[in-house]
Amino acid sequence: MKILVVEDNLDFAEALFECLTFEGYIVDVVTNGAAAWERAVITDYDLVLSDIELPQLDGISLCKKLRYHGYRLPIFLMTGLERDLPIILTNEANANAYFFKPFSFQKLLERIQSHCLCC
């Protein structure tokens, strides 16, 4: 299973990379929404895991753009923002899940497995 991680905090991106690769996932990491869009249109990912607050193209806009262009696979959003706003925005963007930072990597792995059983 191939996952695209979109995270501009390099320490957190590295932690996600290590956690996911340890579990056997193939992981690409980019640090902004524009790079994520470029990667997503040329690479077959099974899941996109994106921060909401990103340079160049925020995670909500990235999710909306992917959905508009037919991307149907799971998109998970992460945020450190206030709790109500991300829930509303995530639902509007048609994301499959959202996580409030900090979150348990075990919960992330469980959510990945439950959404990607067909992958």
PDB file of N, CA and C in Angstrom:
ATOM      1  N   MET A   1       0.846  -1.180   0.000  1.00  0.00           N
ATOM      2  CA  MET A   1       0.000   0.000   0.000  1.00  0.00           C
ATOM      3  C   MET A   1       0.888   1.238   0.000  1.00  0.00           C
ATOM      4  N   LYS A   2       0.537   2.206  -0.830  1.00  0.00           N
ATOM      5  CA  LYS A   2       1.348   3.408  -0.993  1.00  0.00           C
ATOM      6  C   LYS A   2       0.605   4.626  -0.435  1.00  0.00           C
ATOM      7  N   ILE A   3       1.286   5.377   0.434  1.00  0.00           N
ATOM      8  CA  ILE A   3       0.687   6.523   1.117  1.00  0.00           C
ATOM      9  C   ILE A   3       1.480   7.786   0.801  1.00  0.00           C
ATOM     10  N   LEU A   4       0.750   8.861   0.513  1.00  0.00           N
ATOM     11  CA  LEU A   4       1.356  10.179   0.351  1.00  0.00           C
ATOM     12  C   LEU A   4       1.111  10.968   1.626  1.00  0.00           C
ATOM     13  N   VAL A   5       2.189  11.347   2.299  1.00  0.00           N
ATOM     14  CA  VAL A   5       2.116  12.180   3.508  1.00  0.00           C
ATOM     15  C   VAL A   5       2.440  13.606   3.099  1.00  0.00           C
ATOM     16  N   VAL A   6       1.551  14.537   3.482  1.00  0.00           N
ATOM     17  CA  VAL A   6       1.732  15.950   3.164  1.00  0.00           C
ATOM     18  C   VAL A   6       1.804  16.696   4.494  1.00  0.00           C
ATOM     19  N   GLU A   7       3.021  17.073   4.884  1.00  0.00           N
ATOM     20  CA  GLU A   7       3.247  17.672   6.200  1.00  0.00           C
ATOM     21  C   GLU A   7       4.440  18.608   6.127  1.00  0.00           C
ATOM     22  N   ASP A   8       4.234  19.873   6.530  1.00  0.00           N
ATOM     23  CA  ASP A   8       5.324  20.839   6.455  1.00  0.00           C
ATOM     24  C   ASP A   8       6.191  20.884   7.704  1.00  0.00           C
ATOM     25  N   ASN A   9       5.761  20.240   8.788  1.00  0.00           N
ATOM     26  CA  ASN A   9       6.592  20.117   9.979  1.00  0.00           C
ATOM     27  C   ASN A   9       7.503  18.910   9.763  1.00  0.00           C
ATOM     28  N   LEU A  10       8.784  19.180   9.526  1.00  0.00           N
ATOM     29  CA  LEU A  10       9.703  18.103   9.134  1.00  0.00           C
ATOM     30  C   LEU A  10       9.858  17.025  10.199  1.00  0.00           C
ATOM     31  N   ASP A  11       9.854  17.409  11.476  1.00  0.00           N
ATOM     32  CA  ASP A  11       9.968  16.413  12.542  1.00  0.00           C
ATOM     33  C   ASP A  11       8.759  15.485  12.562  1.00  0.00           C
ATOM     34  N   PHE A  12       7.577  16.074  12.423  1.00  0.00           N
ATOM     35  CA  PHE A  12       6.357  15.267  12.425  1.00  0.00           C
ATOM     36  C   PHE A  12       6.276  14.411  11.162  1.00  0.00           C
ATOM     37  N   ALA A  13       6.677  14.971  10.026  1.00  0.00           N
ATOM     38  CA  ALA A  13       6.698  14.212   8.773  1.00  0.00           C
ATOM     39  C   ALA A  13       7.623  13.002   8.899  1.00  0.00           C
ATOM     40  N   GLU A  14       8.771  13.206   9.513  1.00  0.00           N
ATOM     41  CA  GLU A  14       9.714  12.104   9.700  1.00  0.00           C
ATOM     42  C   GLU A  14       9.138  11.032  10.619  1.00  0.00           C
ATOM     43  N   ALA A  15       8.459  11.459  11.685  1.00  0.00           N
ATOM     44  CA  ALA A  15       7.838  10.496  12.604  1.00  0.00           C
ATOM     45  C   ALA A  15       6.758   9.685  11.892  1.00  0.00           C
ATOM     46  N   LEU A  16       5.943  10.348  11.076  1.00  0.00           N
ATOM     47  CA  LEU A  16       4.928   9.635  10.304  1.00  0.00           C
ATOM     48  C   LEU A  16       5.579   8.656   9.332  1.00  0.00           C
ATOM     49  N   PHE A  17       6.615   9.115   8.642  1.00  0.00           N
ATOM     50  CA  PHE A  17       7.334   8.263   7.692  1.00  0.00           C
ATOM     51  C   PHE A  17       7.858   7.017   8.394  1.00  0.00           C
ATOM     52  N   GLU A  18       8.510   7.193   9.516  1.00  0.00           N
ATOM     53  CA  GLU A  18       9.095   6.058  10.245  1.00  0.00           C
ATOM     54  C   GLU A  18       8.016   5.093  10.728  1.00  0.00           C
ATOM     55  N   CYS A  19       6.946   5.633  11.278  1.00  0.00           N
ATOM     56  CA  CYS A  19       5.852   4.799  11.777  1.00  0.00           C
ATOM     57  C   CYS A  19       5.226   3.983  10.655  1.00  0.00           C
ATOM     58  N   LEU A  20       4.922   4.643   9.565  1.00  0.00           N
ATOM     59  CA  LEU A  20       4.235   3.974   8.461  1.00  0.00           C
ATOM     60  C   LEU A  20       5.132   2.977   7.726  1.00  0.00           C
ATOM     61  N   THR A  21       6.388   3.331   7.511  1.00  0.00           N
ATOM     62  CA  THR A  21       7.286   2.390   6.838  1.00  0.00           C
ATOM     63  C   THR A  21       7.578   1.184   7.730  1.00  0.00           C
ATOM     64  N   PHE A  22       7.652   1.394   9.031  1.00  0.00           N
ATOM     65  CA  PHE A  22       7.839   0.286   9.966  1.00  0.00           C
ATOM     66  C   PHE A  22       6.696  -0.722   9.836  1.00  0.00           C
ATOM     67  N   GLU A  23       5.491  -0.209   9.562  1.00  0.00           N
ATOM     68  CA  GLU A  23       4.318  -1.074   9.408  1.00  0.00           C
ATOM     69  C   GLU A  23       4.220  -1.690   8.012  1.00  0.00           C
ATOM     70  N   GLY A  24       5.183  -1.378   7.147  1.00  0.00           N
ATOM     71  CA  GLY A  24       5.227  -1.996   5.836  1.00  0.00           C
ATOM     72  C   GLY A  24       4.634  -1.187   4.699  1.00  0.00           C
ATOM     73  N   TYR A  25       4.223   0.042   4.969  1.00  0.00           N
ATOM     74  CA  TYR A  25       3.673   0.899   3.923  1.00  0.00           C
ATOM     75  C   TYR A  25       4.796   1.562   3.137  1.00  0.00           C
ATOM     76  N   ILE A  26       4.541   1.821   1.872  1.00  0.00           N
ATOM     77  CA  ILE A  26       5.442   2.610   1.039  1.00  0.00           C
ATOM     78  C   ILE A  26       4.983   4.058   1.196  1.00  0.00           C
ATOM     79  N   VAL A  27       5.906   4.938   1.559  1.00  0.00           N
ATOM     80  CA  VAL A  27       5.523   6.304   1.917  1.00  0.00           C
ATOM     81  C   VAL A  27       6.344   7.319   1.143  1.00  0.00           C
ATOM     82  N   ASP A  28       5.648   8.282   0.541  1.00  0.00           N
ATOM     83  CA  ASP A  28       6.274   9.466  -0.030  1.00  0.00           C
ATOM     84  C   ASP A  28       5.869  10.641   0.844  1.00  0.00           C
ATOM     85  N   VAL A  29       6.796  11.562   1.048  1.00  0.00           N
ATOM     86  CA  VAL A  29       6.522  12.746   1.867  1.00  0.00           C
ATOM     87  C   VAL A  29       6.787  13.995   1.044  1.00  0.00           C
ATOM     88  N   VAL A  30       5.836  14.926   1.077  1.00  0.00           N
ATOM     89  CA  VAL A  30       6.018  16.254   0.495  1.00  0.00           C
ATOM     90  C   VAL A  30       5.634  17.274   1.557  1.00  0.00           C
ATOM     91  N   THR A  31       6.130  18.502   1.394  1.00  0.00           N
ATOM     92  CA  THR A  31       5.951  19.494   2.453  1.00  0.00           C
ATOM     93  C   THR A  31       4.998  20.634   2.102  1.00  0.00           C
ATOM     94  N   ASN A  32       4.339  20.555   0.950  1.00  0.00           N
ATOM     95  CA  ASN A  32       3.359  21.595   0.618  1.00  0.00           C
ATOM     96  C   ASN A  32       2.271  21.010  -0.269  1.00  0.00           C
ATOM     97  N   GLY A  33       1.150  21.706  -0.330  1.00  0.00           N
ATOM     98  CA  GLY A  33       0.005  21.219  -1.064  1.00  0.00           C
ATOM     99  C   GLY A  33       0.201  21.156  -2.568  1.00  0.00           C
ATOM    100  N   ALA A  34       0.950  22.099  -3.121  1.00  0.00           N
ATOM    101  CA  ALA A  34       1.193  22.094  -4.565  1.00  0.00           C
ATOM    102  C   ALA A  34       1.988  20.854  -4.972  1.00  0.00           C
ATOM    103  N   ALA A  35       3.002  20.512  -4.201  1.00  0.00           N
ATOM    104  CA  ALA A  35       3.794  19.308  -4.485  1.00  0.00           C
ATOM    105  C   ALA A  35       2.926  18.053  -4.324  1.00  0.00           C
ATOM    106  N   ALA A  36       2.027  18.070  -3.349  1.00  0.00           N
ATOM    107  CA  ALA A  36       1.129  16.930  -3.153  1.00  0.00           C
ATOM    108  C   ALA A  36       0.227  16.742  -4.361  1.00  0.00           C
ATOM    109  N   TRP A  37      -0.322  17.840  -4.880  1.00  0.00           N
ATOM    110  CA  TRP A  37      -1.170  17.766  -6.058  1.00  0.00           C
ATOM    111  C   TRP A  37      -0.395  17.165  -7.235  1.00  0.00           C
ATOM    112  N   GLU A  38       0.825  17.648  -7.449  1.00  0.00           N
ATOM    113  CA  GLU A  38       1.651  17.144  -8.554  1.00  0.00           C
ATOM    114  C   GLU A  38       1.908  15.645  -8.415  1.00  0.00           C
ATOM    115  N   ARG A  39       2.215  15.211  -7.204  1.00  0.00           N
ATOM    116  CA  ARG A  39       2.495  13.789  -6.970  1.00  0.00           C
ATOM    117  C   ARG A  39       1.235  12.945  -7.144  1.00  0.00           C
ATOM    118  N   ALA A  40       0.116  13.443  -6.621  1.00  0.00           N
ATOM    119  CA  ALA A  40      -1.125  12.657  -6.632  1.00  0.00           C
ATOM    120  C   ALA A  40      -1.652  12.409  -8.043  1.00  0.00           C
ATOM    121  N   VAL A  41      -1.390  13.324  -8.959  1.00  0.00           N
ATOM    122  CA  VAL A  41      -1.910  13.136 -10.321  1.00  0.00           C
ATOM    123  C   VAL A  41      -1.024  12.225 -11.175  1.00  0.00           C
ATOM    124  N   ILE A  42       0.210  11.978 -10.737  1.00  0.00           N
ATOM    125  CA  ILE A  42       1.092  11.114 -11.526  1.00  0.00           C
ATOM    126  C   ILE A  42       1.405   9.772 -10.857  1.00  0.00           C
ATOM    127  N   THR A  43       1.016   9.618  -9.595  1.00  0.00           N
ATOM    128  CA  THR A  43       1.335   8.403  -8.848  1.00  0.00           C
ATOM    129  C   THR A  43       0.054   7.792  -8.300  1.00  0.00           C
ATOM    130  N   ASP A  44      -0.044   6.484  -8.346  1.00  0.00           N
ATOM    131  CA  ASP A  44      -1.208   5.790  -7.795  1.00  0.00           C
ATOM    132  C   ASP A  44      -1.016   5.562  -6.299  1.00  0.00           C
ATOM    133  N   TYR A  45      -1.602   6.444  -5.498  1.00  0.00           N
ATOM    134  CA  TYR A  45      -1.561   6.289  -4.044  1.00  0.00           C
ATOM    135  C   TYR A  45      -2.828   5.597  -3.583  1.00  0.00           C
ATOM    136  N   ASP A  46      -2.714   4.873  -2.487  1.00  0.00           N
ATOM    137  CA  ASP A  46      -3.865   4.234  -1.875  1.00  0.00           C
ATOM    138  C   ASP A  46      -4.496   5.126  -0.818  1.00  0.00           C
ATOM    139  N   LEU A  47      -3.729   6.132  -0.369  1.00  0.00           N
ATOM    140  CA  LEU A  47      -4.193   7.026   0.694  1.00  0.00           C
ATOM    141  C   LEU A  47      -3.376   8.309   0.661  1.00  0.00           C
ATOM    142  N   VAL A  48      -4.044   9.425   0.907  1.00  0.00           N
ATOM    143  CA  VAL A  48      -3.360  10.701   1.114  1.00  0.00           C
ATOM    144  C   VAL A  48      -3.599  11.100   2.560  1.00  0.00           C
ATOM    145  N   LEU A  49      -2.525  11.405   3.281  1.00  0.00           N
ATOM    146  CA  LEU A  49      -2.579  11.856   4.664  1.00  0.00           C
ATOM    147  C   LEU A  49      -1.993  13.257   4.693  1.00  0.00           C
ATOM    148  N   SER A  50      -2.860  14.271   4.862  1.00  0.00           N
ATOM    149  CA  SER A  50      -2.423  15.650   4.696  1.00  0.00           C
ATOM    150  C   SER A  50      -2.748  16.523   5.897  1.00  0.00           C
ATOM    151  N   ASP A  51      -1.801  17.378   6.225  1.00  0.00           N
ATOM    152  CA  ASP A  51      -2.059  18.433   7.194  1.00  0.00           C
ATOM    153  C   ASP A  51      -3.027  19.423   6.561  1.00  0.00           C
ATOM    154  N   ILE A  52      -3.767  20.153   7.365  1.00  0.00           N
ATOM    155  CA  ILE A  52      -4.674  21.177   6.834  1.00  0.00           C
ATOM    156  C   ILE A  52      -3.914  22.460   6.532  1.00  0.00           C
ATOM    157  N   GLU A  53      -3.056  22.871   7.449  1.00  0.00           N
ATOM    158  CA  GLU A  53      -2.314  24.128   7.270  1.00  0.00           C
ATOM    159  C   GLU A  53      -1.006  23.840   6.539  1.00  0.00           C
ATOM    160  N   LEU A  54      -1.002  24.171   5.244  1.00  0.00           N
ATOM    161  CA  LEU A  54       0.160  23.909   4.396  1.00  0.00           C
ATOM    162  C   LEU A  54       0.484  25.128   3.559  1.00  0.00           C
ATOM    163  N   PRO A  55       1.754  25.279   3.186  1.00  0.00           N
ATOM    164  CA  PRO A  55       2.094  26.342   2.234  1.00  0.00           C
ATOM    165  C   PRO A  55       1.633  25.978   0.822  1.00  0.00           C
ATOM    166  N   GLN A  56       1.409  26.983   0.021  1.00  0.00           N
ATOM    167  CA  GLN A  56       1.102  26.912  -1.406  1.00  0.00           C
ATOM    168  C   GLN A  56      -0.297  26.394  -1.737  1.00  0.00           C
ATOM    169  N   LEU A  57      -0.786  25.397  -1.060  1.00  0.00           N
ATOM    170  CA  LEU A  57      -2.149  24.891  -1.250  1.00  0.00           C
ATOM    171  C   LEU A  57      -2.516  24.170   0.043  1.00  0.00           C
ATOM    172  N   ASP A  58      -3.499  24.711   0.784  1.00  0.00           N
ATOM    173  CA  ASP A  58      -3.825  24.113   2.082  1.00  0.00           C
ATOM    174  C   ASP A  58      -4.475  22.738   1.896  1.00  0.00           C
ATOM    175  N   GLY A  59      -4.526  21.974   2.965  1.00  0.00           N
ATOM    176  CA  GLY A  59      -5.025  20.600   2.905  1.00  0.00           C
ATOM    177  C   GLY A  59      -6.482  20.486   2.510  1.00  0.00           C
ATOM    178  N   ILE A  60      -7.317  21.430   2.946  1.00  0.00           N
ATOM    179  CA  ILE A  60      -8.735  21.413   2.560  1.00  0.00           C
ATOM    180  C   ILE A  60      -8.856  21.636   1.055  1.00  0.00           C
ATOM    181  N   SER A  61      -8.150  22.644   0.539  1.00  0.00           N
ATOM    182  CA  SER A  61      -8.189  22.922  -0.905  1.00  0.00           C
ATOM    183  C   SER A  61      -7.627  21.758  -1.709  1.00  0.00           C
ATOM    184  N   LEU A  62      -6.562  21.139  -1.208  1.00  0.00           N
ATOM    185  CA  LEU A  62      -5.994  19.967  -1.869  1.00  0.00           C
ATOM    186  C   LEU A  62      -7.034  18.852  -1.947  1.00  0.00           C
ATOM    187  N   CYS A  63      -7.696  18.592  -0.851  1.00  0.00           N
ATOM    188  CA  CYS A  63      -8.708  17.541  -0.805  1.00  0.00           C
ATOM    189  C   CYS A  63      -9.838  17.845  -1.790  1.00  0.00           C
ATOM    190  N   LYS A  64     -10.334  19.074  -1.775  1.00  0.00           N
ATOM    191  CA  LYS A  64     -11.407  19.464  -2.699  1.00  0.00           C
ATOM    192  C   LYS A  64     -10.964  19.314  -4.158  1.00  0.00           C
ATOM    193  N   LYS A  65      -9.743  19.716  -4.435  1.00  0.00           N
ATOM    194  CA  LYS A  65      -9.220  19.633  -5.805  1.00  0.00           C
ATOM    195  C   LYS A  65      -9.093  18.170  -6.250  1.00  0.00           C
ATOM    196  N   LEU A  66      -8.584  17.333  -5.367  1.00  0.00           N
ATOM    197  CA  LEU A  66      -8.468  15.910  -5.690  1.00  0.00           C
ATOM    198  C   LEU A  66      -9.846  15.306  -5.951  1.00  0.00           C
ATOM    199  N   ARG A  67     -10.811  15.606  -5.095  1.00  0.00           N
ATOM    200  CA  ARG A  67     -12.162  15.065  -5.266  1.00  0.00           C
ATOM    201  C   ARG A  67     -12.788  15.585  -6.563  1.00  0.00           C
ATOM    202  N   TYR A  68     -12.605  16.856  -6.847  1.00  0.00           N
ATOM    203  CA  TYR A  68     -13.163  17.445  -8.062  1.00  0.00           C
ATOM    204  C   TYR A  68     -12.633  16.742  -9.314  1.00  0.00           C
ATOM    205  N   HIS A  69     -11.388  16.309  -9.235  1.00  0.00           N
ATOM    206  CA  HIS A  69     -10.754  15.647 -10.370  1.00  0.00           C
ATOM    207  C   HIS A  69     -10.879  14.124 -10.315  1.00  0.00           C
ATOM    208  N   GLY A  70     -11.782  13.629  -9.482  1.00  0.00           N
ATOM    209  CA  GLY A  70     -12.120  12.213  -9.503  1.00  0.00           C
ATOM    210  C   GLY A  70     -11.352  11.303  -8.573  1.00  0.00           C
ATOM    211  N   TYR A  71     -10.529  11.838  -7.674  1.00  0.00           N
ATOM    212  CA  TYR A  71      -9.764  11.008  -6.739  1.00  0.00           C
ATOM    213  C   TYR A  71     -10.728  10.447  -5.700  1.00  0.00           C
ATOM    214  N   ARG A  72     -10.936   9.141  -5.707  1.00  0.00           N
ATOM    215  CA  ARG A  72     -11.930   8.509  -4.834  1.00  0.00           C
ATOM    216  C   ARG A  72     -11.334   7.734  -3.661  1.00  0.00           C
ATOM    217  N   LEU A  73     -10.030   7.573  -3.643  1.00  0.00           N
ATOM    218  CA  LEU A  73      -9.408   6.818  -2.554  1.00  0.00           C
ATOM    219  C   LEU A  73      -9.370   7.660  -1.283  1.00  0.00           C
ATOM    220  N   PRO A  74      -9.099   7.042  -0.134  1.00  0.00           N
ATOM    221  CA  PRO A  74      -9.171   7.767   1.134  1.00  0.00           C
ATOM    222  C   PRO A  74      -8.214   8.953   1.235  1.00  0.00           C
ATOM    223  N   ILE A  75      -8.732  10.019   1.819  1.00  0.00           N
ATOM    224  CA  ILE A  75      -7.952  11.205   2.157  1.00  0.00           C
ATOM    225  C   ILE A  75      -8.200  11.481   3.635  1.00  0.00           C
ATOM    226  N   PHE A  76      -7.123  11.486   4.411  1.00  0.00           N
ATOM    227  CA  PHE A  76      -7.194  11.795   5.838  1.00  0.00           C
ATOM    228  C   PHE A  76      -6.544  13.160   6.054  1.00  0.00           C
ATOM    229  N   LEU A  77      -7.181  13.992   6.857  1.00  0.00           N
ATOM    230  CA  LEU A  77      -6.641  15.308   7.169  1.00  0.00           C
ATOM    231  C   LEU A  77      -6.218  15.369   8.629  1.00  0.00           C
ATOM    232  N   MET A  78      -5.151  16.132   8.879  1.00  0.00           N
ATOM    233  CA  MET A  78      -4.612  16.317  10.236  1.00  0.00           C
ATOM    234  C   MET A  78      -4.586  17.811  10.535  1.00  0.00           C
ATOM    235  N   THR A  79      -4.769  18.151  11.802  1.00  0.00           N
ATOM    236  CA  THR A  79      -4.738  19.559  12.159  1.00  0.00           C
ATOM    237  C   THR A  79      -4.409  19.780  13.623  1.00  0.00           C
ATOM    238  N   GLY A  80      -3.876  20.952  13.875  1.00  0.00           N
ATOM    239  CA  GLY A  80      -3.683  21.432  15.234  1.00  0.00           C
ATOM    240  C   GLY A  80      -4.624  22.601  15.516  1.00  0.00           C
ATOM    241  N   LEU A  81      -5.559  22.874  14.589  1.00  0.00           N
ATOM    242  CA  LEU A  81      -6.508  23.977  14.722  1.00  0.00           C
ATOM    243  C   LEU A  81      -7.590  23.671  15.752  1.00  0.00           C
ATOM    244  N   GLU A  82      -8.407  24.674  16.039  1.00  0.00           N
ATOM    245  CA  GLU A  82      -9.547  24.470  16.933  1.00  0.00           C
ATOM    246  C   GLU A  82     -10.407  23.333  16.421  1.00  0.00           C
ATOM    247  N   ARG A  83     -11.073  22.667  17.321  1.00  0.00           N
ATOM    248  CA  ARG A  83     -11.765  21.427  16.972  1.00  0.00           C
ATOM    249  C   ARG A  83     -12.987  21.579  16.068  1.00  0.00           C
ATOM    250  N   ASP A  84     -13.784  22.611  16.186  1.00  0.00           N
ATOM    251  CA  ASP A  84     -15.016  22.705  15.394  1.00  0.00           C
ATOM    252  C   ASP A  84     -14.755  23.008  13.925  1.00  0.00           C
ATOM    253  N   LEU A  85     -13.891  23.955  13.659  1.00  0.00           N
ATOM    254  CA  LEU A  85     -13.647  24.380  12.290  1.00  0.00           C
ATOM    255  C   LEU A  85     -13.127  23.246  11.407  1.00  0.00           C
ATOM    256  N   PRO A  86     -12.108  22.489  11.818  1.00  0.00           N
ATOM    257  CA  PRO A  86     -11.620  21.409  10.947  1.00  0.00           C
ATOM    258  C   PRO A  86     -12.676  20.352  10.647  1.00  0.00           C
ATOM    259  N   ILE A  87     -13.558  20.066  11.603  1.00  0.00           N
ATOM    260  CA  ILE A  87     -14.601  19.062  11.362  1.00  0.00           C
ATOM    261  C   ILE A  87     -15.517  19.539  10.242  1.00  0.00           C
ATOM    262  N   ILE A  88     -15.943  20.778  10.312  1.00  0.00           N
ATOM    263  CA  ILE A  88     -16.825  21.344   9.284  1.00  0.00           C
ATOM    264  C   ILE A  88     -16.116  21.363   7.936  1.00  0.00           C
ATOM    265  N   LEU A  89     -14.887  21.866   7.907  1.00  0.00           N
ATOM    266  CA  LEU A  89     -14.142  21.948   6.650  1.00  0.00           C
ATOM    267  C   LEU A  89     -13.834  20.577   6.078  1.00  0.00           C
ATOM    268  N   THR A  90     -13.502  19.630   6.934  1.00  0.00           N
ATOM    269  CA  THR A  90     -13.203  18.272   6.494  1.00  0.00           C
ATOM    270  C   THR A  90     -14.425  17.643   5.841  1.00  0.00           C
ATOM    271  N   ASN A  91     -15.581  17.833   6.442  1.00  0.00           N
ATOM    272  CA  ASN A  91     -16.811  17.297   5.860  1.00  0.00           C
ATOM    273  C   ASN A  91     -17.111  17.953   4.525  1.00  0.00           C
ATOM    274  N   GLU A  92     -16.924  19.261   4.426  1.00  0.00           N
ATOM    275  CA  GLU A  92     -17.167  19.971   3.167  1.00  0.00           C
ATOM    276  C   GLU A  92     -16.212  19.512   2.065  1.00  0.00           C
ATOM    277  N   ALA A  93     -15.008  19.127   2.442  1.00  0.00           N
ATOM    278  CA  ALA A  93     -14.005  18.713   1.463  1.00  0.00           C
ATOM    279  C   ALA A  93     -14.139  17.245   1.067  1.00  0.00           C
ATOM    280  N   ASN A  94     -15.038  16.516   1.714  1.00  0.00           N
ATOM    281  CA  ASN A  94     -15.231  15.089   1.431  1.00  0.00           C
ATOM    282  C   ASN A  94     -14.037  14.242   1.851  1.00  0.00           C
ATOM    283  N   ALA A  95     -13.370  14.625   2.924  1.00  0.00           N
ATOM    284  CA  ALA A  95     -12.284  13.801   3.453  1.00  0.00           C
ATOM    285  C   ALA A  95     -12.888  12.597   4.177  1.00  0.00           C
ATOM    286  N   ASN A  96     -12.121  11.531   4.268  1.00  0.00           N
ATOM    287  CA  ASN A  96     -12.609  10.318   4.913  1.00  0.00           C
ATOM    288  C   ASN A  96     -12.416  10.319   6.412  1.00  0.00           C
ATOM    289  N   ALA A  97     -11.434  11.060   6.891  1.00  0.00           N
ATOM    290  CA  ALA A  97     -11.151  11.089   8.325  1.00  0.00           C
ATOM    291  C   ALA A  97     -10.331  12.331   8.648  1.00  0.00           C
ATOM    292  N   TYR A  98     -10.334  12.697   9.915  1.00  0.00           N
ATOM    293  CA  TYR A  98      -9.492  13.796  10.379  1.00  0.00           C
ATOM    294  C   TYR A  98      -8.916  13.426  11.735  1.00  0.00           C
ATOM    295  N   PHE A  99      -7.743  13.981  12.002  1.00  0.00           N
ATOM    296  CA  PHE A  99      -7.037  13.722  13.251  1.00  0.00           C
ATOM    297  C   PHE A  99      -6.592  15.046  13.840  1.00  0.00           C
ATOM    298  N   PHE A 100      -6.775  15.190  15.149  1.00  0.00           N
ATOM    299  CA  PHE A 100      -6.288  16.373  15.848  1.00  0.00           C
ATOM    300  C   PHE A 100      -4.924  16.064  16.429  1.00  0.00           C
ATOM    301  N   LYS A 101      -3.962  16.909  16.102  1.00  0.00           N
ATOM    302  CA  LYS A 101      -2.599  16.731  16.610  1.00  0.00           C
ATOM    303  C   LYS A 101      -2.539  17.186  18.063  1.00  0.00           C
ATOM    304  N   PRO A 102      -1.798  16.502  18.869  1.00  0.00           N
ATOM    305  CA  PRO A 102      -1.129  15.223  18.608  1.00  0.00           C
ATOM    306  C   PRO A 102      -2.142  14.078  18.650  1.00  0.00           C
ATOM    307  N   PHE A 103      -1.863  13.038  17.918  1.00  0.00           N
ATOM    308  CA  PHE A 103      -2.739  11.867  17.904  1.00  0.00           C
ATOM    309  C   PHE A 103      -1.900  10.612  18.050  1.00  0.00           C
ATOM    310  N   SER A 104      -2.581   9.543  18.388  1.00  0.00           N
ATOM    311  CA  SER A 104      -1.933   8.249  18.568  1.00  0.00           C
ATOM    312  C   SER A 104      -1.654   7.622  17.201  1.00  0.00           C
ATOM    313  N   PHE A 105      -0.413   7.215  16.975  1.00  0.00           N
ATOM    314  CA  PHE A 105      -0.087   6.530  15.730  1.00  0.00           C
ATOM    315  C   PHE A 105      -0.882   5.234  15.619  1.00  0.00           C
ATOM    316  N   GLN A 106      -1.165   4.600  16.745  1.00  0.00           N
ATOM    317  CA  GLN A 106      -1.953   3.367  16.712  1.00  0.00           C
ATOM    318  C   GLN A 106      -3.351   3.637  16.167  1.00  0.00           C
ATOM    319  N   LYS A 107      -3.959   4.748  16.569  1.00  0.00           N
ATOM    320  CA  LYS A 107      -5.290   5.097  16.043  1.00  0.00           C
ATOM    321  C   LYS A 107      -5.220   5.384  14.545  1.00  0.00           C
ATOM    322  N   LEU A 108      -4.153   6.045  14.122  1.00  0.00           N
ATOM    323  CA  LEU A 108      -3.967   6.293  12.692  1.00  0.00           C
ATOM    324  C   LEU A 108      -3.875   4.970  11.936  1.00  0.00           C
ATOM    325  N   LEU A 109      -3.062   4.057  12.434  1.00  0.00           N
ATOM    326  CA  LEU A 109      -2.900   2.759  11.769  1.00  0.00           C
ATOM    327  C   LEU A 109      -4.218   1.987  11.713  1.00  0.00           C
ATOM    328  N   GLU A 110      -4.985   2.044  12.792  1.00  0.00           N
ATOM    329  CA  GLU A 110      -6.286   1.372  12.807  1.00  0.00           C
ATOM    330  C   GLU A 110      -7.220   1.975  11.770  1.00  0.00           C
ATOM    331  N   ARG A 111      -7.212   3.297  11.656  1.00  0.00           N
ATOM    332  CA  ARG A 111      -8.091   3.973  10.692  1.00  0.00           C
ATOM    333  C   ARG A 111      -7.650   3.655   9.264  1.00  0.00           C
ATOM    334  N   ILE A 112      -6.349   3.609   9.039  1.00  0.00           N
ATOM    335  CA  ILE A 112      -5.848   3.242   7.708  1.00  0.00           C
ATOM    336  C   ILE A 112      -6.330   1.847   7.343  1.00  0.00           C
ATOM    337  N   GLN A 113      -6.180   0.922   8.259  1.00  0.00           N
ATOM    338  CA  GLN A 113      -6.595  -0.460   7.986  1.00  0.00           C
ATOM    339  C   GLN A 113      -8.091  -0.557   7.741  1.00  0.00           C
ATOM    340  N   SER A 114      -8.881   0.191   8.496  1.00  0.00           N
ATOM    341  CA  SER A 114     -10.343   0.086   8.315  1.00  0.00           C
ATOM    342  C   SER A 114     -10.812   0.712   7.009  1.00  0.00           C
ATOM    343  N   HIS A 115     -10.127   1.755   6.515  1.00  0.00           N
ATOM    344  CA  HIS A 115     -10.521   2.402   5.270  1.00  0.00           C
ATOM    345  C   HIS A 115      -9.911   1.756   4.037  1.00  0.00           C
ATOM    346  N   CYS A 116      -8.873   0.987   4.229  1.00  0.00           N
ATOM    347  CA  CYS A 116      -8.123   0.487   3.071  1.00  0.00           C
ATOM    348  C   CYS A 116      -8.087  -1.036   3.005  1.00  0.00           C
ATOM    349  N   LEU A 117      -9.114  -1.685   3.480  1.00  0.00           N
ATOM    350  CA  LEU A 117      -9.139  -3.148   3.429  1.00  0.00           C
ATOM    351  C   LEU A 117      -9.076  -3.669   2.004  1.00  0.00           C
ATOM    352  N   CYS A 118      -9.568  -2.865   1.074  1.00  0.00           N
ATOM    353  CA  CYS A 118      -9.573  -3.307  -0.320  1.00  0.00           C
ATOM    354  C   CYS A 118      -8.244  -3.043  -1.010  1.00  0.00           C
ATOM    355  N   CYS A 119      -7.357  -2.320  -0.385  1.00  0.00           N
ATOM    356  CA  CYS A 119      -6.095  -1.921  -1.039  1.00  0.00           C
ATOM    357  C   CYS A 119      -5.082  -3.047  -1.022  1.00  0.00           C
TER     358      CYS A 119
END
